[in-house]
Amino acid sequence: MKKITPVLLVDAIEPVLPFWTEALGFEVTTEVPEGDRLGFVILRKGAVELMYQTLESVRNDIPELADAPQRGSFVFIEVDDLDAVDDALASAERVIPRRKTFYGADELIVREPAGNVVTFARFEDA
């Protein structure tokens, strides 16, 4: 295995793009239209990559998956500068207050505009 990339299923991609591109500096590297909207995108910043796909796009591509229950996803991203992420996402919905964990992480947990939970974590250098 070489890498893993989450694909987050959403009703609409456009509302989540500013969260990643404007606030966090991700680049949209691939866009696939679905009618008059985006159906699929790939976002990347450095070695971190994630994808979004609309339910409509899944329904048109793999109808067998379109009826799967949608419960949202959790994404965990390790960062070097959590303060910068915290500042960039000052207006994002906080799931819980920023915290220090028993496993040594300083974490910021937010909900992105589509409702998925994103944890940003910084670990102290050993």
Protein backbone atom coordinates (compact mmCIF):
# COMPACT_ATOMS: atom_id res chain seq x y z
CA MET A 1 0.00 0.00 0.00
CA LYS A 2 1.19 3.48 -0.79
CA LYS A 3 -1.30 6.02 0.58
CA ILE A 4 -4.86 6.54 1.76
CA THR A 5 -7.11 9.40 0.74
CA PRO A 6 -10.54 10.01 2.30
CA VAL A 7 -13.47 10.59 -0.04
CA LEU A 8 -16.16 12.60 1.73
CA LEU A 9 -19.70 12.24 0.42
CA VAL A 10 -21.69 15.50 0.39
CA ASP A 11 -24.82 17.01 -1.11
CA ALA A 12 -22.84 19.91 -2.63
CA ILE A 13 -19.11 20.51 -2.97
CA GLU A 14 -19.09 24.26 -3.52
CA PRO A 15 -19.92 25.21 0.11
CA VAL A 16 -16.92 23.26 1.49
CA LEU A 17 -14.26 24.62 -0.86
CA PRO A 18 -13.55 27.93 1.00
CA PHE A 19 -12.96 25.97 4.24
CA TRP A 20 -10.07 24.15 2.59
CA THR A 21 -8.80 26.59 -0.07
CA GLU A 22 -9.24 30.03 1.48
CA ALA A 23 -8.81 29.23 5.16
CA LEU A 24 -6.23 26.42 4.95
CA GLY A 25 -4.46 26.98 1.63
CA PHE A 26 -5.38 23.72 -0.11
CA GLU A 27 -5.30 23.63 -3.91
CA VAL A 28 -8.04 22.10 -6.03
CA THR A 29 -6.09 19.75 -8.31
CA THR A 30 -9.01 18.01 -10.03
CA GLU A 31 -12.58 19.09 -10.74
CA VAL A 32 -15.23 16.88 -12.36
CA PRO A 33 -18.52 18.55 -13.21
CA GLU A 34 -21.87 16.86 -12.63
CA GLY A 35 -24.46 18.83 -14.54
CA ASP A 36 -24.18 22.51 -13.61
CA ARG A 37 -22.29 21.81 -10.34
CA LEU A 38 -19.16 20.04 -9.24
CA GLY A 39 -19.56 16.29 -8.80
CA PHE A 40 -16.05 15.46 -7.61
CA VAL A 41 -12.90 17.31 -6.53
CA ILE A 42 -9.44 16.47 -5.27
CA LEU A 43 -7.82 18.91 -2.83
CA ARG A 44 -4.14 18.84 -1.92
CA LYS A 45 -1.71 20.69 0.32
CA GLY A 46 1.76 19.19 0.45
CA ALA A 47 1.42 15.47 1.11
CA VAL A 48 -2.15 15.82 2.44
CA GLU A 49 -4.94 14.96 0.01
CA LEU A 50 -8.68 14.55 0.29
CA MET A 51 -11.56 14.13 -2.12
CA TYR A 52 -15.20 15.17 -2.13
CA GLN A 53 -17.91 13.56 -4.20
CA THR A 54 -21.59 14.47 -4.38
CA LEU A 55 -24.34 11.96 -3.76
CA GLU A 56 -25.67 12.78 -7.23
CA SER A 57 -22.30 11.88 -8.75
CA VAL A 58 -22.21 8.58 -6.85
CA ARG A 59 -25.79 7.84 -7.92
CA ASN A 60 -24.80 8.38 -11.57
CA ASP A 61 -21.50 6.49 -11.31
CA ILE A 62 -22.21 3.61 -8.88
CA PRO A 63 -25.97 3.43 -8.23
CA GLU A 64 -25.48 0.56 -5.77
CA LEU A 65 -23.76 2.94 -3.35
CA ALA A 66 -26.23 5.82 -3.61
CA ASP A 67 -28.64 4.34 -1.07
CA ALA A 68 -26.00 3.65 1.58
CA PRO A 69 -26.78 5.50 4.81
CA GLN A 70 -24.84 8.73 5.08
CA ARG A 71 -23.51 9.32 8.59
CA GLY A 72 -20.66 11.71 7.86
CA SER A 73 -16.96 11.10 8.28
CA PHE A 74 -14.09 11.97 10.57
CA VAL A 75 -10.79 13.15 9.10
CA PHE A 76 -7.60 13.36 11.18
CA ILE A 77 -4.79 15.62 9.93
CA GLU A 78 -1.46 16.01 11.67
CA VAL A 79 -0.02 19.53 11.38
CA ASP A 80 3.16 21.37 12.35
CA ASP A 81 1.50 24.65 13.39
CA LEU A 82 -1.84 24.19 15.13
CA ASP A 83 -2.00 27.85 16.14
CA ALA A 84 -2.02 28.87 12.46
CA VAL A 85 -4.83 26.39 11.73
CA ASP A 86 -6.75 27.63 14.77
CA ASP A 87 -6.44 31.23 13.54
CA ALA A 88 -7.42 30.30 9.96
CA LEU A 89 -10.53 28.47 11.19
CA ALA A 90 -11.61 30.97 13.82
CA SER A 91 -15.15 31.05 12.40
CA ALA A 92 -15.50 27.26 11.99
CA GLU A 93 -17.92 25.36 14.22
CA ARG A 94 -15.98 23.82 17.11
CA VAL A 95 -16.98 20.29 18.07
CA ILE A 96 -15.23 20.67 21.42
CA PRO A 97 -12.78 23.27 22.78
CA ARG A 98 -9.15 22.85 21.77
CA ARG A 99 -7.62 20.19 23.99
CA LYS A 100 -4.52 18.26 25.01
CA THR A 101 -5.03 14.50 24.78
CA PHE A 102 -3.74 11.59 26.83
CA TYR A 103 -1.87 10.39 23.72
CA GLY A 104 0.17 13.59 23.51
CA ALA A 105 -1.67 15.61 20.88
CA ASP A 106 -2.80 19.21 20.97
CA GLU A 107 -6.07 19.01 19.01
CA LEU A 108 -8.52 21.31 17.31
CA ILE A 109 -11.73 19.55 16.24
CA VAL A 110 -14.11 21.38 13.90
CA ARG A 111 -17.06 20.62 11.68
CA GLU A 112 -16.57 21.63 8.05
CA PRO A 113 -19.48 23.14 6.08
CA ALA A 114 -20.85 19.77 4.92
CA GLY A 115 -20.97 18.47 8.49
CA ASN A 116 -17.91 16.20 8.47
CA VAL A 117 -15.67 16.32 11.53
CA VAL A 118 -12.05 17.33 10.96
CA THR A 119 -9.43 16.95 13.68
CA PHE A 120 -6.18 18.88 13.33
CA ALA A 121 -3.48 17.62 15.70
CA ARG A 122 0.04 18.60 16.63
CA PHE A 123 2.30 16.25 18.53
CA GLU A 124 5.20 17.52 20.62
CA ASP A 125 8.56 16.59 19.14
CA ALA A 126 10.07 13.62 20.94
